PDB file of N, CA and C in Angstrom:
ATOM      1  N   MET A   1     -14.476   1.588 -19.169  1.00  0.00           N
ATOM      2  CA  MET A   1     -14.171   1.461 -17.760  1.00  0.00           C
ATOM      3  C   MET A   1     -12.708   1.086 -17.534  1.00  0.00           C
ATOM      4  N   ASP A   2     -12.077   0.567 -18.589  1.00  0.00           N
ATOM      5  CA  ASP A   2     -10.676   0.187 -18.441  1.00  0.00           C
ATOM      6  C   ASP A   2      -9.778   1.392 -18.186  1.00  0.00           C
ATOM      7  N   ILE A   3     -10.148   2.561 -18.709  1.00  0.00           N
ATOM      8  CA  ILE A   3      -9.353   3.768 -18.454  1.00  0.00           C
ATOM      9  C   ILE A   3      -9.449   4.146 -16.982  1.00  0.00           C
ATOM     10  N   VAL A   4     -10.611   3.962 -16.387  1.00  0.00           N
ATOM     11  CA  VAL A   4     -10.782   4.229 -14.952  1.00  0.00           C
ATOM     12  C   VAL A   4      -9.907   3.279 -14.149  1.00  0.00           C
ATOM     13  N   TYR A   5      -9.883   2.022 -14.564  1.00  0.00           N
ATOM     14  CA  TYR A   5      -9.040   1.034 -13.902  1.00  0.00           C
ATOM     15  C   TYR A   5      -7.568   1.443 -13.976  1.00  0.00           C
ATOM     16  N   ASP A   6      -7.136   1.902 -15.143  1.00  0.00           N
ATOM     17  CA  ASP A   6      -5.742   2.331 -15.313  1.00  0.00           C
ATOM     18  C   ASP A   6      -5.415   3.541 -14.435  1.00  0.00           C
ATOM     19  N   ILE A   7      -6.349   4.475 -14.311  1.00  0.00           N
ATOM     20  CA  ILE A   7      -6.134   5.644 -13.452  1.00  0.00           C
ATOM     21  C   ILE A   7      -6.017   5.212 -11.996  1.00  0.00           C
ATOM     22  N   ILE A   8      -6.860   4.282 -11.586  1.00  0.00           N
ATOM     23  CA  ILE A   8      -6.792   3.772 -10.207  1.00  0.00           C
ATOM     24  C   ILE A   8      -5.462   3.059  -9.978  1.00  0.00           C
ATOM     25  N   LEU A   9      -4.991   2.316 -10.969  1.00  0.00           N
ATOM     26  CA  LEU A   9      -3.700   1.647 -10.859  1.00  0.00           C
ATOM     27  C   LEU A   9      -2.565   2.653 -10.702  1.00  0.00           C
ATOM     28  N   ILE A  10      -2.623   3.748 -11.440  1.00  0.00           N
ATOM     29  CA  ILE A  10      -1.610   4.796 -11.313  1.00  0.00           C
ATOM     30  C   ILE A  10      -1.655   5.398  -9.906  1.00  0.00           C
ATOM     31  N   LEU A  11      -2.851   5.655  -9.391  1.00  0.00           N
ATOM     32  CA  LEU A  11      -2.989   6.173  -8.024  1.00  0.00           C
ATOM     33  C   LEU A  11      -2.453   5.178  -6.996  1.00  0.00           C
ATOM     34  N   HIS A  12      -2.622   3.891  -7.279  1.00  0.00           N
ATOM     35  CA  HIS A  12      -2.092   2.851  -6.389  1.00  0.00           C
ATOM     36  C   HIS A  12      -0.564   2.927  -6.335  1.00  0.00           C
ATOM     37  N   PHE A  13       0.053   3.125  -7.491  1.00  0.00           N
ATOM     38  CA  PHE A  13       1.511   3.265  -7.540  1.00  0.00           C
ATOM     39  C   PHE A  13       1.978   4.541  -6.839  1.00  0.00           C
ATOM     40  N   ILE A  14       1.207   5.607  -6.964  1.00  0.00           N
ATOM     41  CA  ILE A  14       1.551   6.849  -6.270  1.00  0.00           C
ATOM     42  C   ILE A  14       1.487   6.645  -4.760  1.00  0.00           C
ATOM     43  N   GLY A  15       0.473   5.921  -4.289  1.00  0.00           N
ATOM     44  CA  GLY A  15       0.386   5.600  -2.865  1.00  0.00           C
ATOM     45  C   GLY A  15       1.568   4.772  -2.402  1.00  0.00           C
ATOM     46  N   LEU A  16       1.985   3.818  -3.226  1.00  0.00           N
ATOM     47  CA  LEU A  16       3.158   3.009  -2.919  1.00  0.00           C
ATOM     48  C   LEU A  16       4.398   3.871  -2.808  1.00  0.00           C
ATOM     49  N   ALA A  17       4.576   4.769  -3.775  1.00  0.00           N
ATOM     50  CA  ALA A  17       5.732   5.664  -3.751  1.00  0.00           C
ATOM     51  C   ALA A  17       5.714   6.550  -2.516  1.00  0.00           C
ATOM     52  N   SER A  18       4.545   6.960  -2.095  1.00  0.00           N
ATOM     53  CA  SER A  18       4.417   7.821  -0.926  1.00  0.00           C
ATOM     54  C   SER A  18       4.815   7.097   0.354  1.00  0.00           C
ATOM     55  N   VAL A  19       4.360   5.869   0.525  1.00  0.00           N
ATOM     56  CA  VAL A  19       4.705   5.108   1.731  1.00  0.00           C
ATOM     57  C   VAL A  19       6.194   4.765   1.746  1.00  0.00           C
ATOM     58  N   VAL A  20       6.680   4.186   0.680  1.00  0.00           N
ATOM     59  CA  VAL A  20       8.090   3.772   0.641  1.00  0.00           C
ATOM     60  C   VAL A  20       9.009   4.992   0.615  1.00  0.00           C
ATOM     61  N   GLY A  21       8.613   6.047  -0.098  1.00  0.00           N
ATOM     62  CA  GLY A  21       9.406   7.274  -0.116  1.00  0.00           C
ATOM     63  C   GLY A  21       9.470   7.921   1.255  1.00  0.00           C
ATOM     64  N   GLY A  22       8.330   7.949   1.954  1.00  0.00           N
ATOM     65  CA  GLY A  22       8.309   8.478   3.314  1.00  0.00           C
ATOM     66  C   GLY A  22       9.182   7.686   4.261  1.00  0.00           C
ATOM     67  N   PHE A  23       9.292   6.401   4.003  1.00  0.00           N
ATOM     68  CA  PHE A  23      10.169   5.530   4.794  1.00  0.00           C
ATOM     69  C   PHE A  23      11.638   5.784   4.450  1.00  0.00           C
ATOM     70  N   LEU A  24      11.953   5.774   3.169  1.00  0.00           N
ATOM     71  CA  LEU A  24      13.350   5.883   2.739  1.00  0.00           C
ATOM     72  C   LEU A  24      13.966   7.242   3.037  1.00  0.00           C
ATOM     73  N   VAL A  25      13.162   8.297   2.995  1.00  0.00           N
ATOM     74  CA  VAL A  25      13.699   9.633   3.220  1.00  0.00           C
ATOM     75  C   VAL A  25      14.221   9.793   4.652  1.00  0.00           C
ATOM     76  N   GLN A  26      13.817   8.926   5.542  1.00  0.00           N
ATOM     77  CA  GLN A  26      14.232   9.032   6.937  1.00  0.00           C
ATOM     78  C   GLN A  26      15.310   8.032   7.330  1.00  0.00           C
ATOM     79  N   MET A  27      15.879   7.343   6.383  1.00  0.00           N
ATOM     80  CA  MET A  27      16.868   6.311   6.691  1.00  0.00           C
ATOM     81  C   MET A  27      18.052   6.837   7.495  1.00  0.00           C
ATOM     82  N   LYS A  28      18.559   8.011   7.182  1.00  0.00           N
ATOM     83  CA  LYS A  28      19.732   8.549   7.873  1.00  0.00           C
ATOM     84  C   LYS A  28      19.369   9.371   9.099  1.00  0.00           C
ATOM     85  N   SER A  29      18.089   9.645   9.282  1.00  0.00           N
ATOM     86  CA  SER A  29      17.642  10.480  10.393  1.00  0.00           C
ATOM     87  C   SER A  29      17.662   9.703  11.710  1.00  0.00           C
ATOM     88  N   THR A  30      17.934  10.392  12.797  1.00  0.00           N
ATOM     89  CA  THR A  30      17.833   9.764  14.127  1.00  0.00           C
ATOM     90  C   THR A  30      16.438   9.976  14.703  1.00  0.00           C
ATOM     91  N   ASP A  31      15.667  10.872  14.094  1.00  0.00           N
ATOM     92  CA  ASP A  31      14.325  11.195  14.559  1.00  0.00           C
ATOM     93  C   ASP A  31      13.295  10.543  13.632  1.00  0.00           C
ATOM     94  N   ARG A  32      13.368   9.229  13.506  1.00  0.00           N
ATOM     95  CA  ARG A  32      12.500   8.499  12.584  1.00  0.00           C
ATOM     96  C   ARG A  32      11.086   8.411  13.126  1.00  0.00           C
ATOM     97  N   GLY A  33      10.146   8.453  12.208  1.00  0.00           N
ATOM     98  CA  GLY A  33       8.751   8.338  12.605  1.00  0.00           C
ATOM     99  C   GLY A  33       7.838   8.392  11.403  1.00  0.00           C
ATOM    100  N   VAL A  34       6.561   8.280  11.694  1.00  0.00           N
ATOM    101  CA  VAL A  34       5.548   8.307  10.647  1.00  0.00           C
ATOM    102  C   VAL A  34       5.340   9.749  10.202  1.00  0.00           C
ATOM    103  N   ASN A  35       5.464   9.989   8.909  1.00  0.00           N
ATOM    104  CA  ASN A  35       5.230  11.328   8.373  1.00  0.00           C
ATOM    105  C   ASN A  35       3.921  11.329   7.587  1.00  0.00           C
ATOM    106  N   PRO A  36       3.388  12.502   7.256  1.00  0.00           N
ATOM    107  CA  PRO A  36       2.109  12.565   6.540  1.00  0.00           C
ATOM    108  C   PRO A  36       2.102  11.795   5.218  1.00  0.00           C
ATOM    109  N   ALA A  37       3.225  11.760   4.525  1.00  0.00           N
ATOM    110  CA  ALA A  37       3.277  11.016   3.262  1.00  0.00           C
ATOM    111  C   ALA A  37       2.980   9.538   3.482  1.00  0.00           C
ATOM    112  N   MET A  38       3.469   8.981   4.560  1.00  0.00           N
ATOM    113  CA  MET A  38       3.236   7.566   4.856  1.00  0.00           C
ATOM    114  C   MET A  38       1.768   7.317   5.190  1.00  0.00           C
ATOM    115  N   VAL A  39       1.159   8.220   5.937  1.00  0.00           N
ATOM    116  CA  VAL A  39      -0.254   8.058   6.314  1.00  0.00           C
ATOM    117  C   VAL A  39      -1.138   8.134   5.071  1.00  0.00           C
ATOM    118  N   HIS A  40      -0.955   9.176   4.279  1.00  0.00           N
ATOM    119  CA  HIS A  40      -1.788   9.350   3.088  1.00  0.00           C
ATOM    120  C   HIS A  40      -1.526   8.261   2.052  1.00  0.00           C
ATOM    121  N   GLY A  41      -0.273   7.847   1.926  1.00  0.00           N
ATOM    122  CA  GLY A  41       0.057   6.771   0.995  1.00  0.00           C
ATOM    123  C   GLY A  41      -0.572   5.453   1.400  1.00  0.00           C
ATOM    124  N   ALA A  42      -0.556   5.150   2.708  1.00  0.00           N
ATOM    125  CA  ALA A  42      -1.153   3.903   3.192  1.00  0.00           C
ATOM    126  C   ALA A  42      -2.653   3.886   2.935  1.00  0.00           C
ATOM    127  N   LEU A  43      -3.307   5.000   3.195  1.00  0.00           N
ATOM    128  CA  LEU A  43      -4.753   5.070   2.957  1.00  0.00           C
ATOM    129  C   LEU A  43      -5.057   4.984   1.459  1.00  0.00           C
ATOM    130  N   THR A  44      -4.242   5.628   0.650  1.00  0.00           N
ATOM    131  CA  THR A  44      -4.413   5.551  -0.804  1.00  0.00           C
ATOM    132  C   THR A  44      -4.235   4.116  -1.281  1.00  0.00           C
ATOM    133  N   GLN A  45      -3.226   3.433  -0.769  1.00  0.00           N
ATOM    134  CA  GLN A  45      -2.990   2.037  -1.137  1.00  0.00           C
ATOM    135  C   GLN A  45      -4.182   1.153  -0.785  1.00  0.00           C
ATOM    136  N   LEU A  46      -4.732   1.358   0.403  1.00  0.00           N
ATOM    137  CA  LEU A  46      -5.856   0.543   0.854  1.00  0.00           C
ATOM    138  C   LEU A  46      -7.077   0.754  -0.042  1.00  0.00           C
ATOM    139  N   VAL A  47      -7.445   2.000  -0.271  1.00  0.00           N
ATOM    140  CA  VAL A  47      -8.643   2.298  -1.056  1.00  0.00           C
ATOM    141  C   VAL A  47      -8.472   1.863  -2.512  1.00  0.00           C
ATOM    142  N   THR A  48      -7.359   2.221  -3.119  1.00  0.00           N
ATOM    143  CA  THR A  48      -7.162   1.864  -4.526  1.00  0.00           C
ATOM    144  C   THR A  48      -6.983   0.359  -4.703  1.00  0.00           C
ATOM    145  N   GLY A  49      -6.355  -0.296  -3.734  1.00  0.00           N
ATOM    146  CA  GLY A  49      -6.217  -1.753  -3.809  1.00  0.00           C
ATOM    147  C   GLY A  49      -7.566  -2.453  -3.795  1.00  0.00           C
ATOM    148  N   LEU A  50      -8.456  -1.982  -2.930  1.00  0.00           N
ATOM    149  CA  LEU A  50      -9.806  -2.557  -2.897  1.00  0.00           C
ATOM    150  C   LEU A  50     -10.530  -2.324  -4.218  1.00  0.00           C
ATOM    151  N   LEU A  51     -10.374  -1.138  -4.789  1.00  0.00           N
ATOM    152  CA  LEU A  51     -11.002  -0.853  -6.087  1.00  0.00           C
ATOM    153  C   LEU A  51     -10.395  -1.691  -7.204  1.00  0.00           C
ATOM    154  N   LEU A  52      -9.076  -1.886  -7.168  1.00  0.00           N
ATOM    155  CA  LEU A  52      -8.412  -2.670  -8.217  1.00  0.00           C
ATOM    156  C   LEU A  52      -8.875  -4.127  -8.222  1.00  0.00           C
ATOM    157  N   VAL A  53      -9.238  -4.637  -7.076  1.00  0.00           N
ATOM    158  CA  VAL A  53      -9.752  -6.008  -7.006  1.00  0.00           C
ATOM    159  C   VAL A  53     -11.259  -6.021  -7.237  1.00  0.00           C
ATOM    160  N   GLY A  54     -11.950  -5.030  -6.682  1.00  0.00           N
ATOM    161  CA  GLY A  54     -13.406  -5.011  -6.746  1.00  0.00           C
ATOM    162  C   GLY A  54     -13.973  -4.793  -8.136  1.00  0.00           C
ATOM    163  N   LEU A  55     -13.386  -3.901  -8.906  1.00  0.00           N
ATOM    164  CA  LEU A  55     -13.921  -3.616 -10.244  1.00  0.00           C
ATOM    165  C   LEU A  55     -13.905  -4.851 -11.156  1.00  0.00           C
ATOM    166  N   PRO A  56     -12.796  -5.592 -11.253  1.00  0.00           N
ATOM    167  CA  PRO A  56     -12.834  -6.810 -12.079  1.00  0.00           C
ATOM    168  C   PRO A  56     -13.754  -7.891 -11.504  1.00  0.00           C
ATOM    169  N   GLU A  57     -13.830  -7.973 -10.170  1.00  0.00           N
ATOM    170  CA  GLU A  57     -14.716  -8.970  -9.570  1.00  0.00           C
ATOM    171  C   GLU A  57     -16.178  -8.674  -9.893  1.00  0.00           C
ATOM    172  N   MET A  58     -16.518  -7.388 -10.044  1.00  0.00           N
ATOM    173  CA  MET A  58     -17.882  -7.001 -10.428  1.00  0.00           C
ATOM    174  C   MET A  58     -18.105  -7.157 -11.928  1.00  0.00           C
ATOM    175  N   GLY A  59     -17.016  -7.364 -12.667  1.00  0.00           N
ATOM    176  CA  GLY A  59     -17.126  -7.561 -14.109  1.00  0.00           C
ATOM    177  C   GLY A  59     -17.167  -6.279 -14.914  1.00  0.00           C
ATOM    178  N   VAL A  60     -16.738  -5.165 -14.323  1.00  0.00           N
ATOM    179  CA  VAL A  60     -16.799  -3.892 -15.050  1.00  0.00           C
ATOM    180  C   VAL A  60     -15.444  -3.449 -15.597  1.00  0.00           C
ATOM    181  N   ALA A  61     -14.383  -4.174 -15.286  1.00  0.00           N
ATOM    182  CA  ALA A  61     -13.055  -3.821 -15.796  1.00  0.00           C
ATOM    183  C   ALA A  61     -12.234  -5.086 -15.985  1.00  0.00           C
ATOM    184  N   THR A  62     -11.291  -5.026 -16.908  1.00  0.00           N
ATOM    185  CA  THR A  62     -10.387  -6.139 -17.152  1.00  0.00           C
ATOM    186  C   THR A  62      -8.969  -5.657 -16.875  1.00  0.00           C
ATOM    187  N   PRO A  63      -8.287  -6.243 -15.862  1.00  0.00           N
ATOM    188  CA  PRO A  63      -6.948  -5.762 -15.499  1.00  0.00           C
ATOM    189  C   PRO A  63      -5.921  -5.872 -16.618  1.00  0.00           C
ATOM    190  N   TYR A  64      -5.922  -6.965 -17.354  1.00  0.00           N
ATOM    191  CA  TYR A  64      -4.953  -7.159 -18.428  1.00  0.00           C
ATOM    192  C   TYR A  64      -5.448  -8.276 -19.331  1.00  0.00           C
ATOM    193  N   THR A  65      -4.890  -8.355 -20.504  1.00  0.00           N
ATOM    194  CA  THR A  65      -5.288  -9.378 -21.464  1.00  0.00           C
ATOM    195  C   THR A  65      -4.967 -10.757 -20.913  1.00  0.00           C
ATOM    196  N   GLY A  66      -5.913 -11.655 -20.995  1.00  0.00           N
ATOM    197  CA  GLY A  66      -5.713 -13.006 -20.495  1.00  0.00           C
ATOM    198  C   GLY A  66      -6.118 -13.181 -19.037  1.00  0.00           C
ATOM    199  N   TRP A  67      -6.641 -12.115 -18.408  1.00  0.00           N
ATOM    200  CA  TRP A  67      -7.046 -12.191 -17.009  1.00  0.00           C
ATOM    201  C   TRP A  67      -8.265 -13.075 -16.875  1.00  0.00           C
ATOM    202  N   GLU A  68      -8.233 -13.987 -15.915  1.00  0.00           N
ATOM    203  CA  GLU A  68      -9.388 -14.842 -15.667  1.00  0.00           C
ATOM    204  C   GLU A  68      -9.922 -14.661 -14.262  1.00  0.00           C
ATOM    205  N   ALA A  69      -9.041 -14.695 -13.273  1.00  0.00           N
ATOM    206  CA  ALA A  69      -9.476 -14.536 -11.885  1.00  0.00           C
ATOM    207  C   ALA A  69      -8.271 -14.201 -11.020  1.00  0.00           C
ATOM    208  N   TRP A  70      -8.550 -13.601  -9.870  1.00  0.00           N
ATOM    209  CA  TRP A  70      -7.497 -13.261  -8.915  1.00  0.00           C
ATOM    210  C   TRP A  70      -7.080 -14.482  -8.112  1.00  0.00           C
ATOM    211  N   ASP A  71      -5.857 -14.463  -7.633  1.00  0.00           N
ATOM    212  CA  ASP A  71      -5.398 -15.422  -6.642  1.00  0.00           C
ATOM    213  C   ASP A  71      -5.846 -14.851  -5.290  1.00  0.00           C
ATOM    214  N   HIS A  72      -6.948 -15.358  -4.772  1.00  0.00           N
ATOM    215  CA  HIS A  72      -7.555 -14.768  -3.580  1.00  0.00           C
ATOM    216  C   HIS A  72      -6.682 -14.892  -2.335  1.00  0.00           C
ATOM    217  N   THR A  73      -5.844 -15.888  -2.281  1.00  0.00           N
ATOM    218  CA  THR A  73      -4.920 -16.005  -1.151  1.00  0.00           C
ATOM    219  C   THR A  73      -3.918 -14.860  -1.166  1.00  0.00           C
ATOM    220  N   LYS A  74      -3.361 -14.593  -2.317  1.00  0.00           N
ATOM    221  CA  LYS A  74      -2.417 -13.483  -2.468  1.00  0.00           C
ATOM    222  C   LYS A  74      -3.089 -12.158  -2.121  1.00  0.00           C
ATOM    223  N   ILE A  75      -4.284 -11.943  -2.620  1.00  0.00           N
ATOM    224  CA  ILE A  75      -5.007 -10.701  -2.362  1.00  0.00           C
ATOM    225  C   ILE A  75      -5.316 -10.569  -0.876  1.00  0.00           C
ATOM    226  N   ALA A  76      -5.703 -11.657  -0.228  1.00  0.00           N
ATOM    227  CA  ALA A  76      -6.017 -11.614   1.210  1.00  0.00           C
ATOM    228  C   ALA A  76      -4.782 -11.260   2.033  1.00  0.00           C
ATOM    229  N   ILE A  77      -3.647 -11.846   1.704  1.00  0.00           N
ATOM    230  CA  ILE A  77      -2.408 -11.550   2.427  1.00  0.00           C
ATOM    231  C   ILE A  77      -2.012 -10.088   2.225  1.00  0.00           C
ATOM    232  N   LYS A  78      -2.101  -9.604   0.999  1.00  0.00           N
ATOM    233  CA  LYS A  78      -1.772  -8.200   0.734  1.00  0.00           C
ATOM    234  C   LYS A  78      -2.747  -7.261   1.446  1.00  0.00           C
ATOM    235  N   LEU A  79      -4.015  -7.630   1.494  1.00  0.00           N
ATOM    236  CA  LEU A  79      -5.003  -6.807   2.193  1.00  0.00           C
ATOM    237  C   LEU A  79      -4.703  -6.741   3.685  1.00  0.00           C
ATOM    238  N   ILE A  80      -4.391  -7.877   4.281  1.00  0.00           N
ATOM    239  CA  ILE A  80      -4.062  -7.910   5.715  1.00  0.00           C
ATOM    240  C   ILE A  80      -2.844  -7.041   6.001  1.00  0.00           C
ATOM    241  N   LEU A  81      -1.799  -7.179   5.194  1.00  0.00           N
ATOM    242  CA  LEU A  81      -0.594  -6.365   5.394  1.00  0.00           C
ATOM    243  C   LEU A  81      -0.890  -4.874   5.214  1.00  0.00           C
ATOM    244  N   THR A  82      -1.717  -4.537   4.230  1.00  0.00           N
ATOM    245  CA  THR A  82      -2.037  -3.134   3.984  1.00  0.00           C
ATOM    246  C   THR A  82      -2.879  -2.551   5.116  1.00  0.00           C
ATOM    247  N   VAL A  83      -3.787  -3.335   5.658  1.00  0.00           N
ATOM    248  CA  VAL A  83      -4.577  -2.865   6.810  1.00  0.00           C
ATOM    249  C   VAL A  83      -3.661  -2.633   8.008  1.00  0.00           C
ATOM    250  N   ILE A  84      -2.720  -3.536   8.229  1.00  0.00           N
ATOM    251  CA  ILE A  84      -1.762  -3.367   9.333  1.00  0.00           C
ATOM    252  C   ILE A  84      -0.919  -2.112   9.117  1.00  0.00           C
ATOM    253  N   ILE A  85      -0.441  -1.898   7.903  1.00  0.00           N
ATOM    254  CA  ILE A  85       0.351  -0.704   7.585  1.00  0.00           C
ATOM    255  C   ILE A  85      -0.467   0.558   7.848  1.00  0.00           C
ATOM    256  N   THR A  86      -1.716   0.558   7.424  1.00  0.00           N
ATOM    257  CA  THR A  86      -2.576   1.731   7.611  1.00  0.00           C
ATOM    258  C   THR A  86      -2.832   2.002   9.089  1.00  0.00           C
ATOM    259  N   ILE A  87      -3.098   0.957   9.850  1.00  0.00           N
ATOM    260  CA  ILE A  87      -3.315   1.126  11.299  1.00  0.00           C
ATOM    261  C   ILE A  87      -2.046   1.658  11.965  1.00  0.00           C
ATOM    262  N   LEU A  88      -0.899   1.076  11.623  1.00  0.00           N
ATOM    263  CA  LEU A  88       0.366   1.557  12.196  1.00  0.00           C
ATOM    264  C   LEU A  88       0.628   3.018  11.834  1.00  0.00           C
ATOM    265  N   ALA A  89       0.287   3.399  10.618  1.00  0.00           N
ATOM    266  CA  ALA A  89       0.501   4.782  10.192  1.00  0.00           C
ATOM    267  C   ALA A  89      -0.367   5.737  11.006  1.00  0.00           C
ATOM    268  N   PHE A  90      -1.625   5.380  11.214  1.00  0.00           N
ATOM    269  CA  PHE A  90      -2.510   6.253  11.990  1.00  0.00           C
ATOM    270  C   PHE A  90      -2.117   6.291  13.464  1.00  0.00           C
ATOM    271  N   VAL A  91      -1.702   5.158  14.012  1.00  0.00           N
ATOM    272  CA  VAL A  91      -1.240   5.127  15.404  1.00  0.00           C
ATOM    273  C   VAL A  91       0.048   5.935  15.539  1.00  0.00           C
ATOM    274  N   GLY A  92       0.946   5.794  14.577  1.00  0.00           N
ATOM    275  CA  GLY A  92       2.219   6.498  14.611  1.00  0.00           C
ATOM    276  C   GLY A  92       2.086   8.009  14.530  1.00  0.00           C
ATOM    277  N   ARG A  93       1.056   8.486  13.870  1.00  0.00           N
ATOM    278  CA  ARG A  93       0.859   9.941  13.770  1.00  0.00           C
ATOM    279  C   ARG A  93       0.527  10.564  15.119  1.00  0.00           C
ATOM    280  N   ARG A  94      -0.001   9.773  16.050  1.00  0.00           N
ATOM    281  CA  ARG A  94      -0.417  10.292  17.356  1.00  0.00           C
ATOM    282  C   ARG A  94       0.675  10.182  18.417  1.00  0.00           C
ATOM    283  N   LYS A  95       1.704   9.413  18.131  1.00  0.00           N
ATOM    284  CA  LYS A  95       2.769   9.214  19.118  1.00  0.00           C
ATOM    285  C   LYS A  95       3.928  10.177  18.876  1.00  0.00           C
ATOM    286  N   PRO A  96       4.634  10.540  19.928  1.00  0.00           N
ATOM    287  CA  PRO A  96       5.790  11.424  19.752  1.00  0.00           C
ATOM    288  C   PRO A  96       6.967  10.674  19.118  1.00  0.00           C
ATOM    289  N   ARG A  97       7.805  11.414  18.442  1.00  0.00           N
ATOM    290  CA  ARG A  97       9.010  10.844  17.837  1.00  0.00           C
ATOM    291  C   ARG A  97      10.094  10.695  18.882  1.00  0.00           C
ATOM    292  N   PRO A  98      11.063   9.861  18.698  1.00  0.00           N
ATOM    293  CA  PRO A  98      11.287   8.918  17.600  1.00  0.00           C
ATOM    294  C   PRO A  98      10.392   7.688  17.727  1.00  0.00           C
ATOM    295  N   GLN A  99      10.055   7.129  16.581  1.00  0.00           N
ATOM    296  CA  GLN A  99       9.198   5.940  16.502  1.00  0.00           C
ATOM    297  C   GLN A  99       9.867   4.902  15.606  1.00  0.00           C
ATOM    298  N   THR A 100      11.053   4.561  15.931  1.00  0.00           N
ATOM    299  CA  THR A 100      11.823   3.677  15.050  1.00  0.00           C
ATOM    300  C   THR A 100      11.115   2.348  14.807  1.00  0.00           C
ATOM    301  N   GLY A 101      10.463   1.798  15.811  1.00  0.00           N
ATOM    302  CA  GLY A 101       9.776   0.515  15.653  1.00  0.00           C
ATOM    303  C   GLY A 101       8.623   0.583  14.676  1.00  0.00           C
ATOM    304  N   ILE A 102       7.753   1.567  14.865  1.00  0.00           N
ATOM    305  CA  ILE A 102       6.604   1.714  13.966  1.00  0.00           C
ATOM    306  C   ILE A 102       7.081   2.067  12.564  1.00  0.00           C
ATOM    307  N   TRP A 103       8.039   2.984  12.483  1.00  0.00           N
ATOM    308  CA  TRP A 103       8.602   3.386  11.198  1.00  0.00           C
ATOM    309  C   TRP A 103       9.180   2.170  10.463  1.00  0.00           C
ATOM    310  N   GLY A 104       9.947   1.352  11.169  1.00  0.00           N
ATOM    311  CA  GLY A 104      10.558   0.172  10.559  1.00  0.00           C
ATOM    312  C   GLY A 104       9.527  -0.865  10.145  1.00  0.00           C
ATOM    313  N   ALA A 105       8.493  -1.044  10.960  1.00  0.00           N
ATOM    314  CA  ALA A 105       7.445  -2.008  10.624  1.00  0.00           C
ATOM    315  C   ALA A 105       6.701  -1.581   9.363  1.00  0.00           C
ATOM    316  N   ILE A 106       6.376  -0.297   9.262  1.00  0.00           N
ATOM    317  CA  ILE A 106       5.683   0.192   8.073  1.00  0.00           C
ATOM    318  C   ILE A 106       6.561   0.000   6.836  1.00  0.00           C
ATOM    319  N   GLY A 107       7.827   0.346   6.931  1.00  0.00           N
ATOM    320  CA  GLY A 107       8.738   0.170   5.800  1.00  0.00           C
ATOM    321  C   GLY A 107       8.910  -1.282   5.413  1.00  0.00           C
ATOM    322  N   GLY A 108       9.121  -2.133   6.407  1.00  0.00           N
ATOM    323  CA  GLY A 108       9.317  -3.557   6.130  1.00  0.00           C
ATOM    324  C   GLY A 108       8.086  -4.220   5.535  1.00  0.00           C
ATOM    325  N   LEU A 109       6.919  -3.917   6.096  1.00  0.00           N
ATOM    326  CA  LEU A 109       5.682  -4.503   5.571  1.00  0.00           C
ATOM    327  C   LEU A 109       5.364  -3.970   4.175  1.00  0.00           C
ATOM    328  N   SER A 110       5.684  -2.707   3.927  1.00  0.00           N
ATOM    329  CA  SER A 110       5.460  -2.150   2.590  1.00  0.00           C
ATOM    330  C   SER A 110       6.331  -2.843   1.551  1.00  0.00           C
ATOM    331  N   ILE A 111       7.568  -3.057   1.903  1.00  0.00           N
ATOM    332  CA  ILE A 111       8.472  -3.760   0.991  1.00  0.00           C
ATOM    333  C   ILE A 111       8.025  -5.214   0.811  1.00  0.00           C
ATOM    334  N   ALA A 112       7.508  -5.819   1.871  1.00  0.00           N
ATOM    335  CA  ALA A 112       6.990  -7.191   1.774  1.00  0.00           C
ATOM    336  C   ALA A 112       5.806  -7.259   0.801  1.00  0.00           C
ATOM    337  N   THR A 113       4.926  -6.257   0.825  1.00  0.00           N
ATOM    338  CA  THR A 113       3.793  -6.275  -0.118  1.00  0.00           C
ATOM    339  C   THR A 113       4.261  -6.120  -1.555  1.00  0.00           C
ATOM    340  N   ILE A 114       5.342  -5.348  -1.750  1.00  0.00           N
ATOM    341  CA  ILE A 114       5.895  -5.209  -3.088  1.00  0.00           C
ATOM    342  C   ILE A 114       6.442  -6.555  -3.573  1.00  0.00           C
ATOM    343  N   VAL A 115       7.178  -7.227  -2.704  1.00  0.00           N
ATOM    344  CA  VAL A 115       7.750  -8.533  -3.054  1.00  0.00           C
ATOM    345  C   VAL A 115       6.628  -9.533  -3.382  1.00  0.00           C
ATOM    346  N   ILE A 116       5.578  -9.543  -2.571  1.00  0.00           N
ATOM    347  CA  ILE A 116       4.459 -10.452  -2.817  1.00  0.00           C
ATOM    348  C   ILE A 116       3.803 -10.132  -4.163  1.00  0.00           C
ATOM    349  N   ALA A 117       3.611  -8.844  -4.449  1.00  0.00           N
ATOM    350  CA  ALA A 117       2.967  -8.453  -5.715  1.00  0.00           C
ATOM    351  C   ALA A 117       3.782  -8.857  -6.924  1.00  0.00           C
ATOM    352  N   VAL A 118       5.094  -8.746  -6.813  1.00  0.00           N
ATOM    353  CA  VAL A 118       5.951  -8.994  -7.974  1.00  0.00           C
ATOM    354  C   VAL A 118       6.316 -10.472  -8.126  1.00  0.00           C
ATOM    355  N   VAL A 119       6.658 -11.119  -7.032  1.00  0.00           N
ATOM    356  CA  VAL A 119       7.189 -12.485  -7.101  1.00  0.00           C
ATOM    357  C   VAL A 119       6.093 -13.551  -7.130  1.00  0.00           C
ATOM    358  N   TRP A 120       5.022 -13.347  -6.404  1.00  0.00           N
ATOM    359  CA  TRP A 120       3.981 -14.377  -6.285  1.00  0.00           C
ATOM    360  C   TRP A 120       3.179 -14.458  -7.550  1.00  0.00           C
TER     361      TRP A 120
END
């Protein structure tokens, strides 16, 4: 089952690249907004993130050697931010461009989740 966990982790990174890449590619544009890469990446992040936490909690996968338990506060904060990012992405797809506010919020919150994952 650990190979399945590793595949899900790779998909999680691909979702991250999709959201942040969709954000960064529009930095110089004046017509900023939510693009399909950001929507699909946010949904991928949400689903794979839940699986990455759920599988070890069920006892069917081990994230890494020496793993004992998740920091549930960290996971809860990341989940809340990811849900907000996903909602903003879906709302942004329905609104006309430019959407600088929604675009910036998605980018900023995505970078915040990266910082939380790495530093905390």
